[in-house]
Amino acid sequence: MLVFVYGNLRKHERHHALLQNPRTISLQAYVDGILLESVEGHPVMKDGREKVYGELYEVDPSVIDQLNKTKEAIPAKAIKKEATVYTDHGSYVATVFTAVSEDVQGSTIPSGDWKVKNFLAHRPSDILYFAYGSCMDEERFRKAGVHVHFQDCLGAGIVQDFRMDYSFVVDDGGRGDITEVPGESMEGVVYRVNQEAVDYLFEREGVLPGWYRPAFLDVMIDGRVHNNVLTFIVKRKSPETLPPEHYALEILRGSHPYVSDSYHRRLQDQLLGLGMDEKRLHAMLQKIPTLNRDPA
């Protein structure tokens, strides 16, 4: 039986164990609705036209029945209903617990994401940040005058069941995005950053205008998995489009020498597959001081 969870039942949240070792369908899913924090401080969802972000799992039907009786995890007066859940690899019909709209009292959570709400409320002094696009490039940080906030680099990070796409499209081409694809993996660069860096990233990624949204992933660094690592995901995805050369250069330059050689080659092949001329790619690689090999 499929269930969509959006609050304290999410991965690494305090009631997640109540799902009893569920099978993961999607960790970056959403439904139509409005997310609120109740006057008691609990997450609650009501009908609406915004997006509520959460996770989709397959569980034993008995788990659903048990959740319905667990008031610590499910809001009082919540009703169980079916809803369409949207993921990067298709839509599903799943059980979701919502409140009757007229019974809901509380404050709206603009992000639609309980994890993001908690992060913004607590504002930890530092956090791990997973960069996978142009934010891997130190030169961009220097030009923006913020490189001092990105000096604590932990090296390469690996994320399972996701890949990097160029699915945020602007006038001159695509920009980097994270797409959930079971069985695939992607690499990036991990930094330990302070809140000044986080504020810069929120502005750079266009969180307020709705270009990208903050999200939290599990990232493997040197063989150890770190939970709830900050990253940014495109909100309105488009078909993958070749990026402009200056942006592609930032990704190829910034990722080397942190990511594996095989992944760097994948980044090159991805550009070729999207229509970049091989001679242009070769010329770009010659501009990377740390990289001295032919792409062919």
Protein backbone atom coordinates (compact mmCIF):
# COMPACT_ATOMS: atom_id res chain seq x y z
CA MET A 1 0.00 0.00 0.00
CA LEU A 2 1.37 3.44 -0.91
CA VAL A 3 1.49 6.30 1.58
CA PHE A 4 2.68 9.89 1.17
CA VAL A 5 4.27 11.47 4.26
CA TYR A 6 5.13 15.14 4.65
CA GLY A 7 5.95 15.90 8.30
CA ASN A 8 7.49 14.01 11.19
CA LEU A 9 7.08 10.69 9.37
CA ARG A 10 9.71 11.70 6.79
CA LYS A 11 13.16 10.14 6.65
CA HIS A 12 15.34 11.08 9.63
CA GLU A 13 12.37 12.73 11.37
CA ARG A 14 11.29 11.57 14.81
CA HIS A 15 8.33 9.35 13.80
CA HIS A 16 9.78 7.81 10.64
CA ALA A 17 10.30 4.46 12.40
CA LEU A 18 6.51 4.06 12.61
CA LEU A 19 6.56 3.21 8.90
CA GLN A 20 8.34 -0.04 9.82
CA ASN A 21 11.07 -0.34 7.19
CA PRO A 22 9.07 0.83 4.18
CA ARG A 23 10.10 0.44 0.54
CA THR A 24 11.10 3.81 -0.86
CA ILE A 25 9.31 4.95 -4.01
CA SER A 26 10.41 8.62 -3.96
CA LEU A 27 12.22 10.90 -1.53
CA GLN A 28 11.39 14.05 -3.53
CA ALA A 29 7.66 13.81 -4.15
CA TYR A 30 4.82 16.29 -3.79
CA VAL A 31 1.05 16.57 -3.70
CA ASP A 32 -1.28 19.49 -4.27
CA GLY A 33 -2.20 21.16 -1.00
CA ILE A 34 -1.17 23.68 1.62
CA LEU A 35 1.20 22.84 4.47
CA LEU A 36 0.69 24.51 7.84
CA GLU A 37 2.17 24.42 11.30
CA SER A 38 -0.69 23.93 13.73
CA VAL A 39 -1.05 26.01 16.88
CA GLU A 40 0.36 22.97 18.71
CA GLY A 41 3.45 23.04 16.48
CA HIS A 42 2.62 19.99 14.36
CA PRO A 43 2.67 19.67 10.55
CA VAL A 44 -0.77 19.51 8.98
CA MET A 45 -1.92 19.60 5.37
CA LYS A 46 -5.15 20.90 3.91
CA ASP A 47 -6.58 21.09 0.41
CA GLY A 48 -5.13 23.78 -1.82
CA ARG A 49 -3.33 24.58 -5.05
CA GLU A 50 0.20 24.89 -3.68
CA LYS A 51 2.74 22.06 -3.43
CA VAL A 52 3.41 20.03 -0.30
CA TYR A 53 6.74 18.19 -0.49
CA GLY A 54 7.39 14.84 1.11
CA GLU A 55 8.15 11.20 0.46
CA LEU A 56 6.33 8.25 -1.05
CA TYR A 57 6.63 4.77 0.47
CA GLU A 58 5.13 1.34 0.09
CA VAL A 59 4.08 -0.09 3.45
CA ASP A 60 2.04 -2.96 4.81
CA PRO A 61 -1.67 -2.02 5.07
CA SER A 62 -1.50 -2.64 8.82
CA VAL A 63 0.92 0.30 9.10
CA ILE A 64 -1.72 2.67 7.72
CA ASP A 65 -4.23 1.45 10.28
CA GLN A 66 -1.70 1.89 13.07
CA LEU A 67 -0.78 5.40 11.94
CA ASN A 68 -4.43 6.36 12.04
CA LYS A 69 -4.39 5.58 15.76
CA THR A 70 -1.09 7.34 16.52
CA LYS A 71 -1.96 10.93 17.36
CA GLU A 72 1.71 11.84 17.93
CA ALA A 73 2.34 11.33 14.21
CA ILE A 74 -1.06 12.12 12.67
CA PRO A 75 -2.87 15.40 13.45
CA ALA A 76 -6.05 15.27 15.48
CA LYS A 77 -9.17 15.22 13.28
CA ALA A 78 -7.05 14.14 10.30
CA ILE A 79 -8.82 12.21 7.60
CA LYS A 80 -7.35 9.47 5.46
CA LYS A 81 -7.87 9.89 1.73
CA GLU A 82 -6.31 9.12 -1.62
CA ALA A 83 -4.34 11.72 -3.53
CA THR A 84 -2.20 11.93 -6.65
CA VAL A 85 1.50 12.00 -5.75
CA TYR A 86 3.93 13.44 -8.28
CA THR A 87 7.52 12.24 -8.62
CA ASP A 88 10.30 12.62 -11.18
CA HIS A 89 9.52 9.13 -12.49
CA GLY A 90 5.74 9.26 -12.70
CA SER A 91 2.60 9.90 -10.69
CA TYR A 92 0.97 7.54 -8.19
CA VAL A 93 -2.23 7.34 -6.17
CA ALA A 94 -1.44 7.00 -2.48
CA THR A 95 -2.93 7.38 0.97
CA VAL A 96 -2.36 10.75 2.63
CA PHE A 97 -3.54 12.14 5.95
CA THR A 98 -5.04 15.62 5.69
CA ALA A 99 -7.15 17.88 7.85
CA VAL A 100 -10.61 19.14 7.08
CA SER A 101 -9.94 22.68 5.86
CA GLU A 102 -12.40 24.42 8.16
CA ASP A 103 -10.87 22.69 11.20
CA VAL A 104 -7.29 23.83 10.50
CA GLN A 105 -5.74 26.61 12.56
CA GLY A 106 -2.10 27.53 12.20
CA SER A 107 0.48 29.32 10.09
CA THR A 108 1.15 28.53 6.43
CA ILE A 109 4.61 27.19 5.59
CA PRO A 110 5.58 29.02 2.36
CA SER A 111 8.13 26.42 1.22
CA GLY A 112 5.63 23.58 1.53
CA ASP A 113 8.45 21.54 3.06
CA TRP A 114 8.56 20.61 6.75
CA LYS A 115 12.31 19.91 6.67
CA VAL A 116 12.98 23.35 5.18
CA LYS A 117 10.71 24.97 7.75
CA ASN A 118 12.67 23.34 10.59
CA PHE A 119 15.99 24.33 9.04
CA LEU A 120 14.98 27.98 8.67
CA ALA A 121 13.57 28.04 12.20
CA HIS A 122 16.73 26.70 13.83
CA ARG A 123 19.37 28.20 11.48
CA PRO A 124 22.30 26.01 12.59
CA SER A 125 25.69 27.71 12.74
CA ASP A 126 26.98 25.43 9.98
CA ILE A 127 25.64 22.80 7.62
CA LEU A 128 26.91 20.55 4.85
CA TYR A 129 26.04 21.73 1.35
CA PHE A 130 26.08 19.53 -1.77
CA ALA A 131 26.99 21.43 -4.95
CA TYR A 132 26.49 19.70 -8.29
CA GLY A 133 26.34 22.49 -10.91
CA SER A 134 28.18 25.79 -11.27
CA CYS A 135 28.44 26.06 -7.47
CA MET A 136 31.27 23.52 -7.71
CA ASP A 137 33.32 26.27 -9.36
CA GLU A 138 35.50 28.32 -7.02
CA GLU A 139 36.01 31.05 -9.63
CA ARG A 140 32.30 31.88 -9.52
CA PHE A 141 32.54 32.30 -5.74
CA ARG A 142 35.55 34.58 -6.13
CA LYS A 143 33.79 36.76 -8.68
CA ALA A 144 30.85 37.10 -6.28
CA GLY A 145 33.17 37.95 -3.38
CA VAL A 146 31.91 35.06 -1.25
CA HIS A 147 34.75 32.55 -1.64
CA VAL A 148 35.72 33.05 2.00
CA HIS A 149 32.53 31.20 2.97
CA PHE A 150 33.37 28.16 0.83
CA GLN A 151 36.86 27.31 2.08
CA ASP A 152 35.87 24.22 4.10
CA CYS A 153 35.59 21.73 1.25
CA LEU A 154 35.09 18.10 2.24
CA GLY A 155 35.70 16.85 -1.28
CA ALA A 156 33.52 14.68 -3.46
CA GLY A 157 30.06 13.56 -2.44
CA ILE A 158 27.98 10.77 -3.99
CA VAL A 159 24.19 10.71 -4.04
CA GLN A 160 22.39 7.48 -4.87
CA ASP A 161 19.18 7.29 -6.93
CA PHE A 162 19.61 10.77 -8.40
CA ARG A 163 21.27 12.24 -11.47
CA MET A 164 22.24 15.70 -12.70
CA ASP A 165 20.23 17.10 -15.61
CA TYR A 166 20.10 20.45 -17.39
CA SER A 167 16.37 20.88 -16.90
CA PHE A 168 16.18 24.50 -15.73
CA VAL A 169 15.97 26.35 -19.04
CA VAL A 170 16.61 30.07 -19.53
CA ASP A 171 17.18 32.15 -22.66
CA ASP A 172 20.69 30.85 -23.44
CA GLY A 173 20.19 27.19 -22.51
CA GLY A 174 19.91 24.75 -19.64
CA ARG A 175 21.11 24.94 -16.06
CA GLY A 176 21.83 22.14 -13.59
CA ASP A 177 19.13 20.24 -11.74
CA ILE A 178 18.74 17.09 -9.67
CA THR A 179 16.37 14.41 -10.96
CA GLU A 180 15.38 11.36 -8.93
CA VAL A 181 16.13 8.22 -10.93
CA PRO A 182 16.20 4.93 -8.97
CA GLY A 183 19.40 3.00 -9.61
CA GLU A 184 21.46 5.92 -10.88
CA SER A 185 23.96 8.06 -8.97
CA MET A 186 25.58 11.45 -9.22
CA GLU A 187 28.61 13.19 -7.78
CA GLY A 188 29.31 16.71 -6.60
CA VAL A 189 31.38 18.77 -4.20
CA VAL A 190 30.51 19.09 -0.50
CA TYR A 191 31.23 22.18 1.59
CA ARG A 192 30.69 22.94 5.24
CA VAL A 193 29.14 26.41 5.19
CA ASN A 194 27.81 29.01 7.62
CA GLN A 195 24.54 30.93 7.50
CA GLU A 196 26.06 33.77 5.47
CA ALA A 197 26.84 31.24 2.75
CA VAL A 198 23.33 29.79 3.04
CA ASP A 199 21.80 33.26 2.59
CA TYR A 200 23.96 33.76 -0.52
CA LEU A 201 22.92 30.38 -1.92
CA PHE A 202 19.22 31.09 -1.36
CA GLU A 203 19.61 34.31 -3.33
CA ARG A 204 21.81 32.82 -6.05
CA GLU A 205 19.50 29.86 -6.60
CA GLY A 206 16.44 32.09 -6.83
CA VAL A 207 14.53 30.51 -3.96
CA LEU A 208 12.27 33.53 -3.45
CA PRO A 209 11.32 33.85 -7.17
CA GLY A 210 10.65 30.11 -7.24
CA TRP A 211 13.46 28.92 -9.53
CA TYR A 212 15.04 26.38 -7.19
CA ARG A 213 13.92 25.04 -3.82
CA PRO A 214 16.10 23.93 -0.91
CA ALA A 215 16.07 20.19 -0.23
CA PHE A 216 17.97 17.70 1.91
CA LEU A 217 19.67 14.54 0.68
CA ASP A 218 21.82 11.74 2.06
CA VAL A 219 25.34 12.14 0.67
CA MET A 220 28.25 9.71 0.91
CA ILE A 221 31.61 11.34 1.64
CA ASP A 222 34.70 9.13 1.94
CA GLY A 223 32.56 6.05 2.50
CA ARG A 224 30.36 7.58 5.20
CA VAL A 225 26.75 8.65 4.63
CA HIS A 226 25.83 12.10 5.94
CA ASN A 227 22.13 12.79 6.47
CA ASN A 228 20.15 15.90 5.55
CA VAL A 229 22.79 17.61 3.41
CA LEU A 230 21.49 20.85 1.89
CA THR A 231 21.13 21.18 -1.86
CA PHE A 232 18.81 22.90 -4.35
CA ILE A 233 16.37 21.37 -6.85
CA VAL A 234 14.52 22.99 -9.74
CA LYS A 235 10.82 23.57 -9.01
CA ARG A 236 9.51 23.68 -12.58
CA LYS A 237 11.43 21.25 -14.73
CA SER A 238 11.72 21.47 -18.52
CA PRO A 239 13.07 18.99 -21.08
CA GLU A 240 16.84 18.76 -20.75
CA THR A 241 18.60 21.41 -22.85
CA LEU A 242 22.27 22.00 -23.73
CA PRO A 243 23.77 24.64 -21.41
CA PRO A 244 25.79 27.61 -22.71
CA GLU A 245 29.54 27.06 -22.91
CA HIS A 246 30.41 29.40 -20.05
CA TYR A 247 28.14 27.42 -17.72
CA ALA A 248 29.39 24.05 -18.94
CA LEU A 249 32.96 25.24 -18.35
CA GLU A 250 32.14 26.16 -14.75
CA ILE A 251 30.82 22.65 -14.12
CA LEU A 252 33.73 20.85 -15.79
CA ARG A 253 36.29 23.12 -14.12
CA GLY A 254 34.70 23.12 -10.68
CA SER A 255 34.12 19.38 -10.50
CA HIS A 256 37.74 18.51 -11.33
CA PRO A 257 39.68 17.12 -9.47
CA TYR A 258 37.03 16.30 -6.85
CA VAL A 259 34.72 13.94 -8.72
CA SER A 260 35.92 10.61 -10.09
CA ASP A 261 37.44 10.44 -13.57
CA SER A 262 34.55 8.26 -14.72
CA TYR A 263 31.97 10.79 -13.53
CA HIS A 264 33.85 13.68 -15.13
CA ARG A 265 33.76 11.73 -18.37
CA ARG A 266 30.01 11.27 -17.87
CA LEU A 267 29.63 15.03 -17.59
CA GLN A 268 31.48 15.42 -20.88
CA ASP A 269 29.42 12.72 -22.59
CA GLN A 270 26.25 14.35 -21.31
CA LEU A 271 27.18 17.59 -23.07
CA LEU A 272 27.99 15.73 -26.29
CA GLY A 273 24.67 13.90 -26.08
CA LEU A 274 22.85 17.22 -25.80
CA GLY A 275 24.46 18.46 -29.00
CA MET A 276 27.76 20.10 -28.05
CA ASP A 277 30.37 19.88 -30.78
CA GLU A 278 33.31 17.68 -29.78
CA LYS A 279 35.83 20.31 -30.90
CA ARG A 280 34.13 22.90 -28.69
CA LEU A 281 34.26 20.50 -25.77
CA HIS A 282 37.94 19.81 -26.37
CA ALA A 283 38.66 23.56 -26.47
CA MET A 284 36.81 23.96 -23.18
CA LEU A 285 38.81 21.23 -21.50
CA GLN A 286 42.03 22.99 -22.49
CA LYS A 287 40.94 25.91 -20.29
CA ILE A 288 40.94 23.73 -17.16
CA PRO A 289 44.39 23.94 -15.54
CA THR A 290 44.00 20.73 -13.52
CA LEU A 291 42.85 18.67 -16.49
CA ASN A 292 45.31 17.67 -19.21
CA ARG A 293 43.78 14.93 -21.30
CA ASP A 294 41.98 14.56 -24.58
CA PRO A 295 38.22 13.99 -24.20
CA ALA A 296 38.13 11.45 -27.01
